[in-house]
Amino acid sequence: MDATRPEYIHNHLSLDLKNEITRDQFKAIKQLLWGTVGRAQLEEAEDVCHVFNLMFDKGIISIGEYGVLKRLVRDAGIGRLVGVIEEAENRIRTYKPNENQAKKE
């Protein structure tokens, strides 16, 4: 898979966040999302990737659009991750498929 493709960057961001967020921070994020995603679904979520996917499925975030996610990590006390999220946003925004990739699609 082309590591510059928006879908790859989006999925990799999920893994980066999973590796950076502690268990207590994860609990805080889930609590902040109860009213938006639903408490029952969040209680079943085992990790950050699962919550990331729930947010995507509910339309809270989309590939390259992470404004709510940035606010969420700030509110959870992990604002240092905003830079990681913004880096992914910038890489997605500036993505230009190479000629070979464009021909395949």
PDB file of N, CA and C in Angstrom:
ATOM      1  N   MET A   1       0.846  -1.185   0.000  1.00  0.00           N
ATOM      2  CA  MET A   1       0.000   0.000   0.000  1.00  0.00           C
ATOM      3  C   MET A   1       0.888   1.243   0.000  1.00  0.00           C
ATOM      4  N   ASP A   2       0.475   2.216  -0.753  1.00  0.00           N
ATOM      5  CA  ASP A   2       1.206   3.473  -0.868  1.00  0.00           C
ATOM      6  C   ASP A   2       1.049   4.274   0.421  1.00  0.00           C
ATOM      7  N   ALA A   3       2.156   4.478   1.120  1.00  0.00           N
ATOM      8  CA  ALA A   3       2.137   5.151   2.425  1.00  0.00           C
ATOM      9  C   ALA A   3       1.785   6.631   2.332  1.00  0.00           C
ATOM     10  N   THR A   4       1.669   7.160   1.117  1.00  0.00           N
ATOM     11  CA  THR A   4       1.290   8.567   0.979  1.00  0.00           C
ATOM     12  C   THR A   4      -0.208   8.731   0.722  1.00  0.00           C
ATOM     13  N   ARG A   5      -0.913   7.632   0.516  1.00  0.00           N
ATOM     14  CA  ARG A   5      -2.359   7.707   0.237  1.00  0.00           C
ATOM     15  C   ARG A   5      -3.123   8.154   1.482  1.00  0.00           C
ATOM     16  N   PRO A   6      -4.141   8.980   1.304  1.00  0.00           N
ATOM     17  CA  PRO A   6      -4.918   9.468   2.450  1.00  0.00           C
ATOM     18  C   PRO A   6      -5.462   8.365   3.358  1.00  0.00           C
ATOM     19  N   GLU A   7      -5.919   7.265   2.787  1.00  0.00           N
ATOM     20  CA  GLU A   7      -6.466   6.176   3.595  1.00  0.00           C
ATOM     21  C   GLU A   7      -5.392   5.572   4.494  1.00  0.00           C
ATOM     22  N   TYR A   8      -4.199   5.426   3.960  1.00  0.00           N
ATOM     23  CA  TYR A   8      -3.090   4.887   4.746  1.00  0.00           C
ATOM     24  C   TYR A   8      -2.734   5.850   5.878  1.00  0.00           C
ATOM     25  N   ILE A   9      -2.632   7.122   5.562  1.00  0.00           N
ATOM     26  CA  ILE A   9      -2.285   8.128   6.572  1.00  0.00           C
ATOM     27  C   ILE A   9      -3.342   8.139   7.676  1.00  0.00           C
ATOM     28  N   HIS A  10      -4.603   8.068   7.293  1.00  0.00           N
ATOM     29  CA  HIS A  10      -5.715   8.036   8.252  1.00  0.00           C
ATOM     30  C   HIS A  10      -5.583   6.831   9.188  1.00  0.00           C
ATOM     31  N   ASN A  11      -5.365   5.660   8.617  1.00  0.00           N
ATOM     32  CA  ASN A  11      -5.230   4.448   9.434  1.00  0.00           C
ATOM     33  C   ASN A  11      -3.985   4.501  10.311  1.00  0.00           C
ATOM     34  N   HIS A  12      -2.920   5.035   9.777  1.00  0.00           N
ATOM     35  CA  HIS A  12      -1.676   5.135  10.546  1.00  0.00           C
ATOM     36  C   HIS A  12      -1.843   6.113  11.711  1.00  0.00           C
ATOM     37  N   LEU A  13      -2.607   7.175  11.505  1.00  0.00           N
ATOM     38  CA  LEU A  13      -2.889   8.120  12.588  1.00  0.00           C
ATOM     39  C   LEU A  13      -3.584   7.400  13.740  1.00  0.00           C
ATOM     40  N   SER A  14      -4.519   6.550  13.414  1.00  0.00           N
ATOM     41  CA  SER A  14      -5.216   5.772  14.443  1.00  0.00           C
ATOM     42  C   SER A  14      -4.226   4.957  15.270  1.00  0.00           C
ATOM     43  N   LEU A  15      -3.290   4.311  14.609  1.00  0.00           N
ATOM     44  CA  LEU A  15      -2.280   3.509  15.316  1.00  0.00           C
ATOM     45  C   LEU A  15      -1.333   4.385  16.126  1.00  0.00           C
ATOM     46  N   ASP A  16      -0.945   5.529  15.572  1.00  0.00           N
ATOM     47  CA  ASP A  16      -0.079   6.458  16.312  1.00  0.00           C
ATOM     48  C   ASP A  16      -0.743   6.898  17.610  1.00  0.00           C
ATOM     49  N   LEU A  17      -2.020   7.241  17.530  1.00  0.00           N
ATOM     50  CA  LEU A  17      -2.745   7.679  18.721  1.00  0.00           C
ATOM     51  C   LEU A  17      -2.871   6.543  19.732  1.00  0.00           C
ATOM     52  N   LYS A  18      -3.129   5.355  19.227  1.00  0.00           N
ATOM     53  CA  LYS A  18      -3.231   4.190  20.120  1.00  0.00           C
ATOM     54  C   LYS A  18      -1.941   4.009  20.916  1.00  0.00           C
ATOM     55  N   ASN A  19      -0.817   4.200  20.263  1.00  0.00           N
ATOM     56  CA  ASN A  19       0.480   4.010  20.916  1.00  0.00           C
ATOM     57  C   ASN A  19       0.839   5.136  21.881  1.00  0.00           C
ATOM     58  N   GLU A  20       0.226   6.295  21.730  1.00  0.00           N
ATOM     59  CA  GLU A  20       0.574   7.467  22.538  1.00  0.00           C
ATOM     60  C   GLU A  20      -0.366   7.727  23.713  1.00  0.00           C
ATOM     61  N   ILE A  21      -1.557   7.147  23.674  1.00  0.00           N
ATOM     62  CA  ILE A  21      -2.576   7.459  24.680  1.00  0.00           C
ATOM     63  C   ILE A  21      -2.575   6.404  25.780  1.00  0.00           C
ATOM     64  N   THR A  22      -2.485   6.872  27.020  1.00  0.00           N
ATOM     65  CA  THR A  22      -2.481   5.957  28.170  1.00  0.00           C
ATOM     66  C   THR A  22      -3.900   5.461  28.450  1.00  0.00           C
ATOM     67  N   ARG A  23      -3.983   4.477  29.298  1.00  0.00           N
ATOM     68  CA  ARG A  23      -5.285   3.909  29.663  1.00  0.00           C
ATOM     69  C   ARG A  23      -6.198   4.972  30.305  1.00  0.00           C
ATOM     70  N   ASP A  24      -5.655   5.774  31.211  1.00  0.00           N
ATOM     71  CA  ASP A  24      -6.458   6.824  31.850  1.00  0.00           C
ATOM     72  C   ASP A  24      -6.913   7.877  30.839  1.00  0.00           C
ATOM     73  N   GLN A  25      -6.044   8.232  29.912  1.00  0.00           N
ATOM     74  CA  GLN A  25      -6.410   9.194  28.872  1.00  0.00           C
ATOM     75  C   GLN A  25      -7.492   8.608  27.959  1.00  0.00           C
ATOM     76  N   PHE A  26      -7.381   7.320  27.688  1.00  0.00           N
ATOM     77  CA  PHE A  26      -8.378   6.626  26.872  1.00  0.00           C
ATOM     78  C   PHE A  26      -9.747   6.674  27.555  1.00  0.00           C
ATOM     79  N   LYS A  27      -9.763   6.444  28.853  1.00  0.00           N
ATOM     80  CA  LYS A  27     -11.025   6.519  29.607  1.00  0.00           C
ATOM     81  C   LYS A  27     -11.617   7.926  29.536  1.00  0.00           C
ATOM     82  N   ALA A  28     -10.759   8.934  29.644  1.00  0.00           N
ATOM     83  CA  ALA A  28     -11.228  10.325  29.566  1.00  0.00           C
ATOM     84  C   ALA A  28     -11.834  10.622  28.196  1.00  0.00           C
ATOM     85  N   ILE A  29     -11.206  10.144  27.147  1.00  0.00           N
ATOM     86  CA  ILE A  29     -11.719  10.349  25.790  1.00  0.00           C
ATOM     87  C   ILE A  29     -13.090   9.701  25.644  1.00  0.00           C
ATOM     88  N   LYS A  30     -13.212   8.485  26.127  1.00  0.00           N
ATOM     89  CA  LYS A  30     -14.502   7.796  26.030  1.00  0.00           C
ATOM     90  C   LYS A  30     -15.592   8.566  26.777  1.00  0.00           C
ATOM     91  N   GLN A  31     -15.268   9.076  27.949  1.00  0.00           N
ATOM     92  CA  GLN A  31     -16.261   9.840  28.714  1.00  0.00           C
ATOM     93  C   GLN A  31     -16.674  11.115  27.978  1.00  0.00           C
ATOM     94  N   LEU A  32     -15.722  11.761  27.336  1.00  0.00           N
ATOM     95  CA  LEU A  32     -16.032  12.976  26.585  1.00  0.00           C
ATOM     96  C   LEU A  32     -16.941  12.699  25.386  1.00  0.00           C
ATOM     97  N   LEU A  33     -16.913  11.483  24.889  1.00  0.00           N
ATOM     98  CA  LEU A  33     -17.700  11.124  23.705  1.00  0.00           C
ATOM     99  C   LEU A  33     -19.042  10.471  24.020  1.00  0.00           C
ATOM    100  N   TRP A  34     -19.343  10.229  25.289  1.00  0.00           N
ATOM    101  CA  TRP A  34     -20.579   9.520  25.645  1.00  0.00           C
ATOM    102  C   TRP A  34     -21.806  10.111  24.971  1.00  0.00           C
ATOM    103  N   GLY A  35     -21.966  11.408  25.023  1.00  0.00           N
ATOM    104  CA  GLY A  35     -23.158  12.039  24.461  1.00  0.00           C
ATOM    105  C   GLY A  35     -23.203  12.039  22.949  1.00  0.00           C
ATOM    106  N   THR A  36     -22.067  11.897  22.312  1.00  0.00           N
ATOM    107  CA  THR A  36     -21.989  11.957  20.852  1.00  0.00           C
ATOM    108  C   THR A  36     -22.044  10.575  20.215  1.00  0.00           C
ATOM    109  N   VAL A  37     -21.258   9.667  20.737  1.00  0.00           N
ATOM    110  CA  VAL A  37     -21.156   8.327  20.154  1.00  0.00           C
ATOM    111  C   VAL A  37     -22.138   7.372  20.817  1.00  0.00           C
ATOM    112  N   GLY A  38     -22.318   7.528  22.105  1.00  0.00           N
ATOM    113  CA  GLY A  38     -23.189   6.626  22.853  1.00  0.00           C
ATOM    114  C   GLY A  38     -22.389   5.814  23.850  1.00  0.00           C
ATOM    115  N   ARG A  39     -22.843   5.848  25.065  1.00  0.00           N
ATOM    116  CA  ARG A  39     -22.112   5.202  26.153  1.00  0.00           C
ATOM    117  C   ARG A  39     -21.959   3.694  25.942  1.00  0.00           C
ATOM    118  N   ALA A  40     -23.017   3.039  25.496  1.00  0.00           N
ATOM    119  CA  ALA A  40     -22.969   1.580  25.324  1.00  0.00           C
ATOM    120  C   ALA A  40     -21.890   1.180  24.318  1.00  0.00           C
ATOM    121  N   GLN A  41     -21.835   1.867  23.190  1.00  0.00           N
ATOM    122  CA  GLN A  41     -20.820   1.549  22.181  1.00  0.00           C
ATOM    123  C   GLN A  41     -19.421   1.824  22.709  1.00  0.00           C
ATOM    124  N   LEU A  42     -19.277   2.898  23.442  1.00  0.00           N
ATOM    125  CA  LEU A  42     -17.958   3.253  23.965  1.00  0.00           C
ATOM    126  C   LEU A  42     -17.500   2.292  25.055  1.00  0.00           C
ATOM    127  N   GLU A  43     -18.424   1.786  25.841  1.00  0.00           N
ATOM    128  CA  GLU A  43     -18.040   0.822  26.871  1.00  0.00           C
ATOM    129  C   GLU A  43     -17.510  -0.463  26.249  1.00  0.00           C
ATOM    130  N   GLU A  44     -17.980  -0.790  25.052  1.00  0.00           N
ATOM    131  CA  GLU A  44     -17.497  -1.977  24.344  1.00  0.00           C
ATOM    132  C   GLU A  44     -16.155  -1.739  23.651  1.00  0.00           C
ATOM    133  N   ALA A  45     -15.808  -0.489  23.437  1.00  0.00           N
ATOM    134  CA  ALA A  45     -14.563  -0.157  22.734  1.00  0.00           C
ATOM    135  C   ALA A  45     -13.363  -0.563  23.578  1.00  0.00           C
ATOM    136  N   GLU A  46     -12.499  -1.354  22.987  1.00  0.00           N
ATOM    137  CA  GLU A  46     -11.345  -1.890  23.710  1.00  0.00           C
ATOM    138  C   GLU A  46     -10.090  -1.043  23.577  1.00  0.00           C
ATOM    139  N   ASP A  47     -10.027  -0.234  22.526  1.00  0.00           N
ATOM    140  CA  ASP A  47      -8.817   0.565  22.333  1.00  0.00           C
ATOM    141  C   ASP A  47      -9.121   1.822  21.526  1.00  0.00           C
ATOM    142  N   VAL A  48      -8.107   2.638  21.391  1.00  0.00           N
ATOM    143  CA  VAL A  48      -8.246   3.914  20.686  1.00  0.00           C
ATOM    144  C   VAL A  48      -8.648   3.700  19.229  1.00  0.00           C
ATOM    145  N   CYS A  49      -8.126   2.669  18.590  1.00  0.00           N
ATOM    146  CA  CYS A  49      -8.479   2.407  17.191  1.00  0.00           C
ATOM    147  C   CYS A  49      -9.981   2.164  17.050  1.00  0.00           C
ATOM    148  N   HIS A  50     -10.552   1.441  17.994  1.00  0.00           N
ATOM    149  CA  HIS A  50     -11.992   1.165  17.973  1.00  0.00           C
ATOM    150  C   HIS A  50     -12.780   2.473  18.099  1.00  0.00           C
ATOM    151  N   VAL A  51     -12.391   3.330  19.020  1.00  0.00           N
ATOM    152  CA  VAL A  51     -13.063   4.622  19.196  1.00  0.00           C
ATOM    153  C   VAL A  51     -12.883   5.489  17.947  1.00  0.00           C
ATOM    154  N   PHE A  52     -11.689   5.481  17.374  1.00  0.00           N
ATOM    155  CA  PHE A  52     -11.400   6.224  16.143  1.00  0.00           C
ATOM    156  C   PHE A  52     -12.363   5.778  15.040  1.00  0.00           C
ATOM    157  N   ASN A  53     -12.558   4.463  14.909  1.00  0.00           N
ATOM    158  CA  ASN A  53     -13.471   3.932  13.894  1.00  0.00           C
ATOM    159  C   ASN A  53     -14.921   4.296  14.187  1.00  0.00           C
ATOM    160  N   LEU A  54     -15.317   4.282  15.463  1.00  0.00           N
ATOM    161  CA  LEU A  54     -16.672   4.704  15.824  1.00  0.00           C
ATOM    162  C   LEU A  54     -16.898   6.159  15.431  1.00  0.00           C
ATOM    163  N   MET A  55     -15.912   7.000  15.693  1.00  0.00           N
ATOM    164  CA  MET A  55     -16.020   8.413  15.334  1.00  0.00           C
ATOM    165  C   MET A  55     -16.139   8.576  13.817  1.00  0.00           C
ATOM    166  N   PHE A  56     -15.394   7.783  13.081  1.00  0.00           N
ATOM    167  CA  PHE A  56     -15.448   7.827  11.620  1.00  0.00           C
ATOM    168  C   PHE A  56     -16.825   7.366  11.136  1.00  0.00           C
ATOM    169  N   ASP A  57     -17.296   6.244  11.676  1.00  0.00           N
ATOM    170  CA  ASP A  57     -18.592   5.696  11.269  1.00  0.00           C
ATOM    171  C   ASP A  57     -19.745   6.652  11.559  1.00  0.00           C
ATOM    172  N   LYS A  58     -19.638   7.423  12.630  1.00  0.00           N
ATOM    173  CA  LYS A  58     -20.691   8.375  13.011  1.00  0.00           C
ATOM    174  C   LYS A  58     -20.544   9.718  12.285  1.00  0.00           C
ATOM    175  N   GLY A  59     -19.488   9.872  11.486  1.00  0.00           N
ATOM    176  CA  GLY A  59     -19.278  11.116  10.754  1.00  0.00           C
ATOM    177  C   GLY A  59     -18.684  12.235  11.597  1.00  0.00           C
ATOM    178  N   ILE A  60     -18.149  11.893  12.758  1.00  0.00           N
ATOM    179  CA  ILE A  60     -17.537  12.887  13.639  1.00  0.00           C
ATOM    180  C   ILE A  60     -16.192  13.328  13.081  1.00  0.00           C
ATOM    181  N   ILE A  61     -15.490  12.382  12.482  1.00  0.00           N
ATOM    182  CA  ILE A  61     -14.248  12.670  11.772  1.00  0.00           C
ATOM    183  C   ILE A  61     -14.360  12.053  10.386  1.00  0.00           C
ATOM    184  N   SER A  62     -13.552  12.522   9.480  1.00  0.00           N
ATOM    185  CA  SER A  62     -13.431  11.909   8.165  1.00  0.00           C
ATOM    186  C   SER A  62     -11.966  11.992   7.771  1.00  0.00           C
ATOM    187  N   ILE A  63     -11.620  11.333   6.704  1.00  0.00           N
ATOM    188  CA  ILE A  63     -10.224  11.306   6.288  1.00  0.00           C
ATOM    189  C   ILE A  63      -9.749  12.732   6.009  1.00  0.00           C
ATOM    190  N   GLY A  64      -8.796  13.177   6.828  1.00  0.00           N
ATOM    191  CA  GLY A  64      -8.224  14.512   6.682  1.00  0.00           C
ATOM    192  C   GLY A  64      -8.963  15.618   7.410  1.00  0.00           C
ATOM    193  N   GLU A  65     -10.066  15.302   8.052  1.00  0.00           N
ATOM    194  CA  GLU A  65     -10.869  16.298   8.778  1.00  0.00           C
ATOM    195  C   GLU A  65     -10.955  15.886  10.243  1.00  0.00           C
ATOM    196  N   TYR A  66     -10.068  16.441  11.060  1.00  0.00           N
ATOM    197  CA  TYR A  66      -9.925  15.989  12.441  1.00  0.00           C
ATOM    198  C   TYR A  66     -10.113  17.096  13.473  1.00  0.00           C
ATOM    199  N   GLY A  67     -10.893  18.118  13.140  1.00  0.00           N
ATOM    200  CA  GLY A  67     -11.104  19.218  14.073  1.00  0.00           C
ATOM    201  C   GLY A  67     -11.672  18.764  15.410  1.00  0.00           C
ATOM    202  N   VAL A  68     -12.680  17.915  15.378  1.00  0.00           N
ATOM    203  CA  VAL A  68     -13.285  17.411  16.616  1.00  0.00           C
ATOM    204  C   VAL A  68     -12.283  16.561  17.382  1.00  0.00           C
ATOM    205  N   LEU A  69     -11.495  15.784  16.672  1.00  0.00           N
ATOM    206  CA  LEU A  69     -10.486  14.941  17.320  1.00  0.00           C
ATOM    207  C   LEU A  69      -9.446  15.797  18.037  1.00  0.00           C
ATOM    208  N   LYS A  70      -9.027  16.880  17.409  1.00  0.00           N
ATOM    209  CA  LYS A  70      -8.051  17.775  18.052  1.00  0.00           C
ATOM    210  C   LYS A  70      -8.635  18.396  19.317  1.00  0.00           C
ATOM    211  N   ARG A  71      -9.879  18.830  19.246  1.00  0.00           N
ATOM    212  CA  ARG A  71     -10.528  19.396  20.430  1.00  0.00           C
ATOM    213  C   ARG A  71     -10.657  18.334  21.524  1.00  0.00           C
ATOM    214  N   LEU A  72     -10.963  17.125  21.129  1.00  0.00           N
ATOM    215  CA  LEU A  72     -11.127  16.022  22.073  1.00  0.00           C
ATOM    216  C   LEU A  72      -9.832  15.720  22.822  1.00  0.00           C
ATOM    217  N   VAL A  73      -8.707  15.650  22.106  1.00  0.00           N
ATOM    218  CA  VAL A  73      -7.449  15.350  22.797  1.00  0.00           C
ATOM    219  C   VAL A  73      -7.026  16.514  23.692  1.00  0.00           C
ATOM    220  N   ARG A  74      -7.326  17.730  23.275  1.00  0.00           N
ATOM    221  CA  ARG A  74      -7.050  18.882  24.156  1.00  0.00           C
ATOM    222  C   ARG A  74      -7.876  18.774  25.437  1.00  0.00           C
ATOM    223  N   ASP A  75      -9.171  18.495  25.284  1.00  0.00           N
ATOM    224  CA  ASP A  75     -10.071  18.400  26.439  1.00  0.00           C
ATOM    225  C   ASP A  75      -9.714  17.236  27.356  1.00  0.00           C
ATOM    226  N   ALA A  76      -9.091  16.212  26.798  1.00  0.00           N
ATOM    227  CA  ALA A  76      -8.680  15.050  27.587  1.00  0.00           C
ATOM    228  C   ALA A  76      -7.315  15.267  28.241  1.00  0.00           C
ATOM    229  N   GLY A  77      -6.712  16.440  28.005  1.00  0.00           N
ATOM    230  CA  GLY A  77      -5.436  16.757  28.630  1.00  0.00           C
ATOM    231  C   GLY A  77      -4.218  16.249  27.887  1.00  0.00           C
ATOM    232  N   ILE A  78      -4.395  15.916  26.615  1.00  0.00           N
ATOM    233  CA  ILE A  78      -3.260  15.417  25.827  1.00  0.00           C
ATOM    234  C   ILE A  78      -3.083  16.249  24.551  1.00  0.00           C
ATOM    235  N   GLY A  79      -3.070  17.547  24.759  1.00  0.00           N
ATOM    236  CA  GLY A  79      -2.921  18.481  23.655  1.00  0.00           C
ATOM    237  C   GLY A  79      -1.640  18.307  22.860  1.00  0.00           C
ATOM    238  N   ARG A  80      -0.645  17.649  23.459  1.00  0.00           N
ATOM    239  CA  ARG A  80       0.613  17.409  22.740  1.00  0.00           C
ATOM    240  C   ARG A  80       0.383  16.590  21.466  1.00  0.00           C
ATOM    241  N   LEU A  81      -0.744  15.871  21.395  1.00  0.00           N
ATOM    242  CA  LEU A  81      -1.030  15.047  20.220  1.00  0.00           C
ATOM    243  C   LEU A  81      -1.636  15.841  19.064  1.00  0.00           C
ATOM    244  N   VAL A  82      -1.988  17.086  19.314  1.00  0.00           N
ATOM    245  CA  VAL A  82      -2.560  17.915  18.251  1.00  0.00           C
ATOM    246  C   VAL A  82      -1.576  18.025  17.085  1.00  0.00           C
ATOM    247  N   GLY A  83      -0.304  18.152  17.380  1.00  0.00           N
ATOM    248  CA  GLY A  83       0.705  18.231  16.323  1.00  0.00           C
ATOM    249  C   GLY A  83       0.747  16.983  15.458  1.00  0.00           C
ATOM    250  N   VAL A  84       0.595  15.824  16.070  1.00  0.00           N
ATOM    251  CA  VAL A  84       0.567  14.552  15.329  1.00  0.00           C
ATOM    252  C   VAL A  84      -0.642  14.536  14.397  1.00  0.00           C
ATOM    253  N   ILE A  85      -1.774  14.978  14.911  1.00  0.00           N
ATOM    254  CA  ILE A  85      -3.006  15.005  14.117  1.00  0.00           C
ATOM    255  C   ILE A  85      -2.883  16.008  12.976  1.00  0.00           C
ATOM    256  N   GLU A  86      -2.345  17.179  13.255  1.00  0.00           N
ATOM    257  CA  GLU A  86      -2.185  18.202  12.213  1.00  0.00           C
ATOM    258  C   GLU A  86      -1.211  17.759  11.135  1.00  0.00           C
ATOM    259  N   GLU A  87      -0.180  17.038  11.528  1.00  0.00           N
ATOM    260  CA  GLU A  87       0.764  16.520  10.530  1.00  0.00           C
ATOM    261  C   GLU A  87       0.047  15.577   9.566  1.00  0.00           C
ATOM    262  N   ALA A  88      -0.797  14.706  10.096  1.00  0.00           N
ATOM    263  CA  ALA A  88      -1.564  13.794   9.243  1.00  0.00           C
ATOM    264  C   ALA A  88      -2.519  14.580   8.339  1.00  0.00           C
ATOM    265  N   GLU A  89      -3.197  15.573   8.894  1.00  0.00           N
ATOM    266  CA  GLU A  89      -4.095  16.413   8.088  1.00  0.00           C
ATOM    267  C   GLU A  89      -3.345  17.060   6.931  1.00  0.00           C
ATOM    268  N   ASN A  90      -2.183  17.611   7.213  1.00  0.00           N
ATOM    269  CA  ASN A  90      -1.392  18.284   6.177  1.00  0.00           C
ATOM    270  C   ASN A  90      -0.931  17.314   5.104  1.00  0.00           C
ATOM    271  N   ARG A  91      -0.508  16.130   5.505  1.00  0.00           N
ATOM    272  CA  ARG A  91      -0.076  15.128   4.523  1.00  0.00           C
ATOM    273  C   ARG A  91      -1.241  14.715   3.626  1.00  0.00           C
ATOM    274  N   ILE A  92      -2.429  14.592   4.210  1.00  0.00           N
ATOM    275  CA  ILE A  92      -3.605  14.219   3.420  1.00  0.00           C
ATOM    276  C   ILE A  92      -3.986  15.353   2.468  1.00  0.00           C
ATOM    277  N   ARG A  93      -3.973  16.573   2.951  1.00  0.00           N
ATOM    278  CA  ARG A  93      -4.353  17.731   2.120  1.00  0.00           C
ATOM    279  C   ARG A  93      -3.419  17.935   0.934  1.00  0.00           C
ATOM    280  N   THR A  94      -2.155  17.614   1.122  1.00  0.00           N
ATOM    281  CA  THR A  94      -1.182  17.847   0.057  1.00  0.00           C
ATOM    282  C   THR A  94      -0.952  16.615  -0.811  1.00  0.00           C
ATOM    283  N   TYR A  95      -1.707  15.558  -0.578  1.00  0.00           N
ATOM    284  CA  TYR A  95      -1.542  14.323  -1.350  1.00  0.00           C
ATOM    285  C   TYR A  95      -1.844  14.568  -2.825  1.00  0.00           C
ATOM    286  N   LYS A  96      -0.934  14.102  -3.652  1.00  0.00           N
ATOM    287  CA  LYS A  96      -1.128  14.141  -5.095  1.00  0.00           C
ATOM    288  C   LYS A  96      -0.737  12.769  -5.626  1.00  0.00           C
ATOM    289  N   PRO A  97      -1.693  12.048  -6.188  1.00  0.00           N
ATOM    290  CA  PRO A  97      -1.348  10.719  -6.695  1.00  0.00           C
ATOM    291  C   PRO A  97      -0.317  10.825  -7.817  1.00  0.00           C
ATOM    292  N   ASN A  98       0.624   9.898  -7.797  1.00  0.00           N
ATOM    293  CA  ASN A  98       1.598   9.909  -8.892  1.00  0.00           C
ATOM    294  C   ASN A  98       0.916   9.375 -10.148  1.00  0.00           C
ATOM    295  N   GLU A  99       1.551   9.534 -11.276  1.00  0.00           N
ATOM    296  CA  GLU A  99       0.931   9.148 -12.545  1.00  0.00           C
ATOM    297  C   GLU A  99       0.567   7.676 -12.581  1.00  0.00           C
ATOM    298  N   ASN A 100       1.441   6.813 -12.085  1.00  0.00           N
ATOM    299  CA  ASN A 100       1.162   5.382 -12.102  1.00  0.00           C
ATOM    300  C   ASN A 100      -0.069   5.057 -11.268  1.00  0.00           C
ATOM    301  N   GLN A 101      -0.185   5.675 -10.123  1.00  0.00           N
ATOM    302  CA  GLN A 101      -1.331   5.437  -9.248  1.00  0.00           C
ATOM    303  C   GLN A 101      -2.611   5.952  -9.904  1.00  0.00           C
ATOM    304  N   ALA A 102      -2.536   7.113 -10.533  1.00  0.00           N
ATOM    305  CA  ALA A 102      -3.709   7.702 -11.173  1.00  0.00           C
ATOM    306  C   ALA A 102      -4.217   6.813 -12.304  1.00  0.00           C
ATOM    307  N   LYS A 103      -3.306   6.158 -13.034  1.00  0.00           N
ATOM    308  CA  LYS A 103      -3.705   5.272 -14.126  1.00  0.00           C
ATOM    309  C   LYS A 103      -4.404   4.026 -13.609  1.00  0.00           C
ATOM    310  N   LYS A 104      -4.007   3.540 -12.429  1.00  0.00           N
ATOM    311  CA  LYS A 104      -4.614   2.343 -11.845  1.00  0.00           C
ATOM    312  C   LYS A 104      -6.047   2.607 -11.418  1.00  0.00           C
ATOM    313  N   GLU A 105      -6.340   3.831 -11.028  1.00  0.00           N
ATOM    314  CA  GLU A 105      -7.663   4.162 -10.485  1.00  0.00           C
ATOM    315  C   GLU A 105      -8.598   4.547 -11.548  1.00  0.00           C
TER     316      GLU A 105
END
